[in-house]
Amino acid sequence: MVDSSRTDVVRDIAEAYAAQLGPLLPVLHAVQERFGWIARTDVEVVADVLNLSMADVHGVVSFYHDFRTAPPPAQLVSLCRGEACQAVGAEGLVAEVRCELAGRPANDIELAEVFCLGNCALGPSGTVDGRLYGRLTSDRVADLLRAGDRP
């Protein structure tokens, strides 16, 4: 079922950028900022408004890992796997957190690996729901996730 109000919003976003040179990326970022992800119907609308093929739009969405094609999880944890963080235990931290999250529903918490958050002196570093933390342990990550669960 197509959500006509979402389709209308996506069309408005695409039309607002259509006259610009190279509007596709700004349109996709705006759609994702508005809805949290890019649906197949969004790809169809953007392709139509910008006079591109669906393959062109889908290719950009699928190429850049920042674009989501499914609703985002309730919480997002990103842990640094860069050299400085690896030197102070990031590999073990990632393994511990992954193990702790294994029993949770897939749409509950997502664990992502990143390669440098610029917080090298305070490694292992990571983000929980977009906020940067240093000197992380698996217990600290669990505490931060529980704190995020509170209303």
C-alpha atoms as a PDB file:
ATOM      1  CA  MET A   1       0.000   0.000   0.000  1.00  0.00           C
ATOM      2  CA  VAL A   2       1.373   3.415  -0.964  1.00  0.00           C
ATOM      3  CA  ASP A   3       1.211   6.190   1.622  1.00  0.00           C
ATOM      4  CA  SER A   4      -0.028   9.112  -0.486  1.00  0.00           C
ATOM      5  CA  SER A   5       0.943  11.714   2.120  1.00  0.00           C
ATOM      6  CA  ARG A   6       4.527  10.396   2.152  1.00  0.00           C
ATOM      7  CA  THR A   7       4.559  10.363  -1.644  1.00  0.00           C
ATOM      8  CA  ASP A   8       3.356  13.972  -1.694  1.00  0.00           C
ATOM      9  CA  VAL A   9       6.067  15.045   0.758  1.00  0.00           C
ATOM     10  CA  VAL A  10       8.780  13.256  -1.244  1.00  0.00           C
ATOM     11  CA  ARG A  11       7.495  14.869  -4.448  1.00  0.00           C
ATOM     12  CA  ASP A  12       7.583  18.317  -2.779  1.00  0.00           C
ATOM     13  CA  ILE A  13      11.142  17.715  -1.568  1.00  0.00           C
ATOM     14  CA  ALA A  14      12.319  16.590  -5.002  1.00  0.00           C
ATOM     15  CA  GLU A  15      10.621  19.496  -6.743  1.00  0.00           C
ATOM     16  CA  ALA A  16      12.263  21.957  -4.339  1.00  0.00           C
ATOM     17  CA  TYR A  17      15.718  20.746  -5.468  1.00  0.00           C
ATOM     18  CA  ALA A  18      14.926  19.899  -9.103  1.00  0.00           C
ATOM     19  CA  ALA A  19      16.261  23.159 -10.572  1.00  0.00           C
ATOM     20  CA  GLN A  20      19.628  22.802  -8.843  1.00  0.00           C
ATOM     21  CA  LEU A  21      22.656  21.297 -10.524  1.00  0.00           C
ATOM     22  CA  GLY A  22      23.067  17.710  -9.301  1.00  0.00           C
ATOM     23  CA  PRO A  23      19.976  17.553  -7.092  1.00  0.00           C
ATOM     24  CA  LEU A  24      19.869  13.802  -6.425  1.00  0.00           C
ATOM     25  CA  LEU A  25      22.022  13.590  -3.304  1.00  0.00           C
ATOM     26  CA  PRO A  26      20.428  16.616  -1.606  1.00  0.00           C
ATOM     27  CA  VAL A  27      16.974  15.188  -2.358  1.00  0.00           C
ATOM     28  CA  LEU A  28      17.862  11.772  -0.931  1.00  0.00           C
ATOM     29  CA  HIS A  29      19.405  13.319   2.185  1.00  0.00           C
ATOM     30  CA  ALA A  30      16.305  15.458   2.703  1.00  0.00           C
ATOM     31  CA  VAL A  31      13.982  12.474   2.297  1.00  0.00           C
ATOM     32  CA  GLN A  32      16.002  10.408   4.743  1.00  0.00           C
ATOM     33  CA  GLU A  33      16.159  13.283   7.215  1.00  0.00           C
ATOM     34  CA  ARG A  34      12.379  13.621   7.032  1.00  0.00           C
ATOM     35  CA  PHE A  35      11.434   9.933   7.242  1.00  0.00           C
ATOM     36  CA  GLY A  36      14.528   8.181   8.604  1.00  0.00           C
ATOM     37  CA  TRP A  37      14.817   5.952   5.550  1.00  0.00           C
ATOM     38  CA  ILE A  38      14.220   5.799   1.789  1.00  0.00           C
ATOM     39  CA  ALA A  39      11.409   3.532   0.613  1.00  0.00           C
ATOM     40  CA  ARG A  40      11.089   2.023  -2.854  1.00  0.00           C
ATOM     41  CA  THR A  41       8.162   4.344  -3.550  1.00  0.00           C
ATOM     42  CA  ASP A  42      10.422   7.280  -2.663  1.00  0.00           C
ATOM     43  CA  VAL A  43      12.899   6.106  -5.301  1.00  0.00           C
ATOM     44  CA  GLU A  44      10.081   5.995  -7.870  1.00  0.00           C
ATOM     45  CA  VAL A  45       8.917   9.528  -7.040  1.00  0.00           C
ATOM     46  CA  VAL A  46      12.429  11.004  -7.014  1.00  0.00           C
ATOM     47  CA  ALA A  47      13.235   9.344 -10.342  1.00  0.00           C
ATOM     48  CA  ASP A  48      10.037  10.728 -11.851  1.00  0.00           C
ATOM     49  CA  VAL A  49      10.540  14.299 -10.616  1.00  0.00           C
ATOM     50  CA  LEU A  50      14.244  14.454 -11.525  1.00  0.00           C
ATOM     51  CA  ASN A  51      13.716  12.652 -14.857  1.00  0.00           C
ATOM     52  CA  LEU A  52      16.130   9.874 -13.914  1.00  0.00           C
ATOM     53  CA  SER A  53      15.760   6.132 -14.205  1.00  0.00           C
ATOM     54  CA  MET A  54      14.826   4.188 -11.096  1.00  0.00           C
ATOM     55  CA  ALA A  55      18.090   2.293 -11.592  1.00  0.00           C
ATOM     56  CA  ASP A  56      20.053   5.558 -11.343  1.00  0.00           C
ATOM     57  CA  VAL A  57      18.340   6.573  -8.106  1.00  0.00           C
ATOM     58  CA  HIS A  58      18.489   3.077  -6.617  1.00  0.00           C
ATOM     59  CA  GLY A  59      22.169   2.856  -7.554  1.00  0.00           C
ATOM     60  CA  VAL A  60      22.954   5.962  -5.518  1.00  0.00           C
ATOM     61  CA  VAL A  61      20.834   4.821  -2.566  1.00  0.00           C
ATOM     62  CA  SER A  62      22.479   1.401  -2.508  1.00  0.00           C
ATOM     63  CA  PHE A  63      26.023   2.732  -3.052  1.00  0.00           C
ATOM     64  CA  TYR A  64      26.186   5.059  -0.050  1.00  0.00           C
ATOM     65  CA  HIS A  65      25.974   3.221   3.261  1.00  0.00           C
ATOM     66  CA  ASP A  66      24.467   6.286   4.958  1.00  0.00           C
ATOM     67  CA  PHE A  67      21.175   5.774   3.141  1.00  0.00           C
ATOM     68  CA  ARG A  68      18.732   3.364   4.756  1.00  0.00           C
ATOM     69  CA  THR A  69      16.219   1.334   2.782  1.00  0.00           C
ATOM     70  CA  ALA A  70      14.359   0.151   5.871  1.00  0.00           C
ATOM     71  CA  PRO A  71      13.129   1.960   8.961  1.00  0.00           C
ATOM     72  CA  PRO A  72      15.943   2.702  11.415  1.00  0.00           C
ATOM     73  CA  PRO A  73      16.279   0.728  14.646  1.00  0.00           C
ATOM     74  CA  ALA A  74      15.098   2.109  17.957  1.00  0.00           C
ATOM     75  CA  GLN A  75      18.744   2.667  18.932  1.00  0.00           C
ATOM     76  CA  LEU A  76      22.030   2.780  17.022  1.00  0.00           C
ATOM     77  CA  VAL A  77      25.464   1.956  18.428  1.00  0.00           C
ATOM     78  CA  SER A  78      28.543   2.697  16.312  1.00  0.00           C
ATOM     79  CA  LEU A  79      31.893   1.459  17.598  1.00  0.00           C
ATOM     80  CA  CYS A  80      35.227   2.617  16.247  1.00  0.00           C
ATOM     81  CA  ARG A  81      37.487   0.004  14.682  1.00  0.00           C
ATOM     82  CA  GLY A  82      40.286   2.442  13.794  1.00  0.00           C
ATOM     83  CA  GLU A  83      43.895   1.717  14.744  1.00  0.00           C
ATOM     84  CA  ALA A  84      43.995   3.819  17.922  1.00  0.00           C
ATOM     85  CA  CYS A  85      40.810   2.248  19.270  1.00  0.00           C
ATOM     86  CA  GLN A  86      41.955  -1.222  18.219  1.00  0.00           C
ATOM     87  CA  ALA A  87      45.128  -0.682  20.264  1.00  0.00           C
ATOM     88  CA  VAL A  88      43.053  -0.193  23.421  1.00  0.00           C
ATOM     89  CA  GLY A  89      40.592  -3.046  23.037  1.00  0.00           C
ATOM     90  CA  ALA A  90      38.002  -2.113  20.415  1.00  0.00           C
ATOM     91  CA  GLU A  91      38.025  -5.578  18.832  1.00  0.00           C
ATOM     92  CA  GLY A  92      37.071  -7.194  22.127  1.00  0.00           C
ATOM     93  CA  LEU A  93      34.504  -4.485  22.840  1.00  0.00           C
ATOM     94  CA  VAL A  94      32.793  -5.038  19.488  1.00  0.00           C
ATOM     95  CA  ALA A  95      32.694  -8.799  20.089  1.00  0.00           C
ATOM     96  CA  GLU A  96      31.245  -8.364  23.603  1.00  0.00           C
ATOM     97  CA  VAL A  97      28.597  -5.865  22.519  1.00  0.00           C
ATOM     98  CA  ARG A  98      27.651  -8.010  19.511  1.00  0.00           C
ATOM     99  CA  CYS A  99      27.248 -11.007  21.823  1.00  0.00           C
ATOM    100  CA  GLU A 100      25.116  -9.020  24.284  1.00  0.00           C
ATOM    101  CA  LEU A 101      22.851  -7.751  21.507  1.00  0.00           C
ATOM    102  CA  ALA A 102      22.422 -11.143  19.843  1.00  0.00           C
ATOM    103  CA  GLY A 103      19.210 -11.953  21.690  1.00  0.00           C
ATOM    104  CA  ARG A 104      17.488  -8.645  21.012  1.00  0.00           C
ATOM    105  CA  PRO A 105      15.006  -8.092  18.174  1.00  0.00           C
ATOM    106  CA  ALA A 106      16.640  -6.966  14.908  1.00  0.00           C
ATOM    107  CA  ASN A 107      14.757  -3.657  14.807  1.00  0.00           C
ATOM    108  CA  ASP A 108      15.619  -2.871  18.427  1.00  0.00           C
ATOM    109  CA  ILE A 109      19.328  -2.001  18.312  1.00  0.00           C
ATOM    110  CA  GLU A 110      21.764  -1.842  15.417  1.00  0.00           C
ATOM    111  CA  LEU A 111      25.512  -2.232  15.900  1.00  0.00           C
ATOM    112  CA  ALA A 112      27.658  -0.565  13.276  1.00  0.00           C
ATOM    113  CA  GLU A 113      31.409  -0.413  12.910  1.00  0.00           C
ATOM    114  CA  VAL A 114      33.069   2.863  11.935  1.00  0.00           C
ATOM    115  CA  PHE A 115      36.684   3.678  11.242  1.00  0.00           C
ATOM    116  CA  CYS A 116      37.623   6.731  13.284  1.00  0.00           C
ATOM    117  CA  LEU A 117      35.406   9.125  15.131  1.00  0.00           C
ATOM    118  CA  GLY A 118      38.260  11.546  15.820  1.00  0.00           C
ATOM    119  CA  ASN A 119      38.238  10.651  19.520  1.00  0.00           C
ATOM    120  CA  CYS A 120      41.423   8.593  19.364  1.00  0.00           C
ATOM    121  CA  ALA A 121      42.886   9.660  22.714  1.00  0.00           C
ATOM    122  CA  LEU A 122      39.809   8.340  24.515  1.00  0.00           C
ATOM    123  CA  GLY A 123      39.425   4.973  22.828  1.00  0.00           C
ATOM    124  CA  PRO A 124      37.704   2.725  22.471  1.00  0.00           C
ATOM    125  CA  SER A 125      35.226   5.277  21.210  1.00  0.00           C
ATOM    126  CA  GLY A 126      31.751   5.014  19.848  1.00  0.00           C
ATOM    127  CA  THR A 127      28.405   6.669  19.511  1.00  0.00           C
ATOM    128  CA  VAL A 128      25.099   5.707  21.045  1.00  0.00           C
ATOM    129  CA  ASP A 129      22.135   7.317  19.338  1.00  0.00           C
ATOM    130  CA  GLY A 130      24.449   9.839  17.691  1.00  0.00           C
ATOM    131  CA  ARG A 131      26.221  10.989  20.854  1.00  0.00           C
ATOM    132  CA  LEU A 132      30.002  10.440  21.102  1.00  0.00           C
ATOM    133  CA  TYR A 133      31.527   8.562  24.061  1.00  0.00           C
ATOM    134  CA  GLY A 134      35.072   7.543  24.928  1.00  0.00           C
ATOM    135  CA  ARG A 135      36.711   4.857  27.043  1.00  0.00           C
ATOM    136  CA  LEU A 136      33.811   2.543  26.351  1.00  0.00           C
ATOM    137  CA  THR A 137      33.320  -0.853  27.904  1.00  0.00           C
ATOM    138  CA  SER A 138      30.516  -3.284  27.176  1.00  0.00           C
ATOM    139  CA  ASP A 139      28.981  -2.421  30.571  1.00  0.00           C
ATOM    140  CA  ARG A 140      29.062   1.296  29.721  1.00  0.00           C
ATOM    141  CA  VAL A 141      27.429   0.650  26.345  1.00  0.00           C
ATOM    142  CA  ALA A 142      24.704  -1.399  28.066  1.00  0.00           C
ATOM    143  CA  ASP A 143      24.136   1.436  30.583  1.00  0.00           C
ATOM    144  CA  LEU A 144      23.877   4.006  27.786  1.00  0.00           C
ATOM    145  CA  LEU A 145      21.393   1.844  25.896  1.00  0.00           C
ATOM    146  CA  ARG A 146      19.270   1.383  29.015  1.00  0.00           C
ATOM    147  CA  ALA A 147      19.358   5.149  29.617  1.00  0.00           C
ATOM    148  CA  GLY A 148      18.123   5.652  26.040  1.00  0.00           C
ATOM    149  CA  ASP A 149      15.205   3.309  26.677  1.00  0.00           C
ATOM    150  CA  ARG A 150      13.797   5.610  29.344  1.00  0.00           C
ATOM    151  CA  PRO A 151      10.915   7.924  28.423  1.00  0.00           C
END
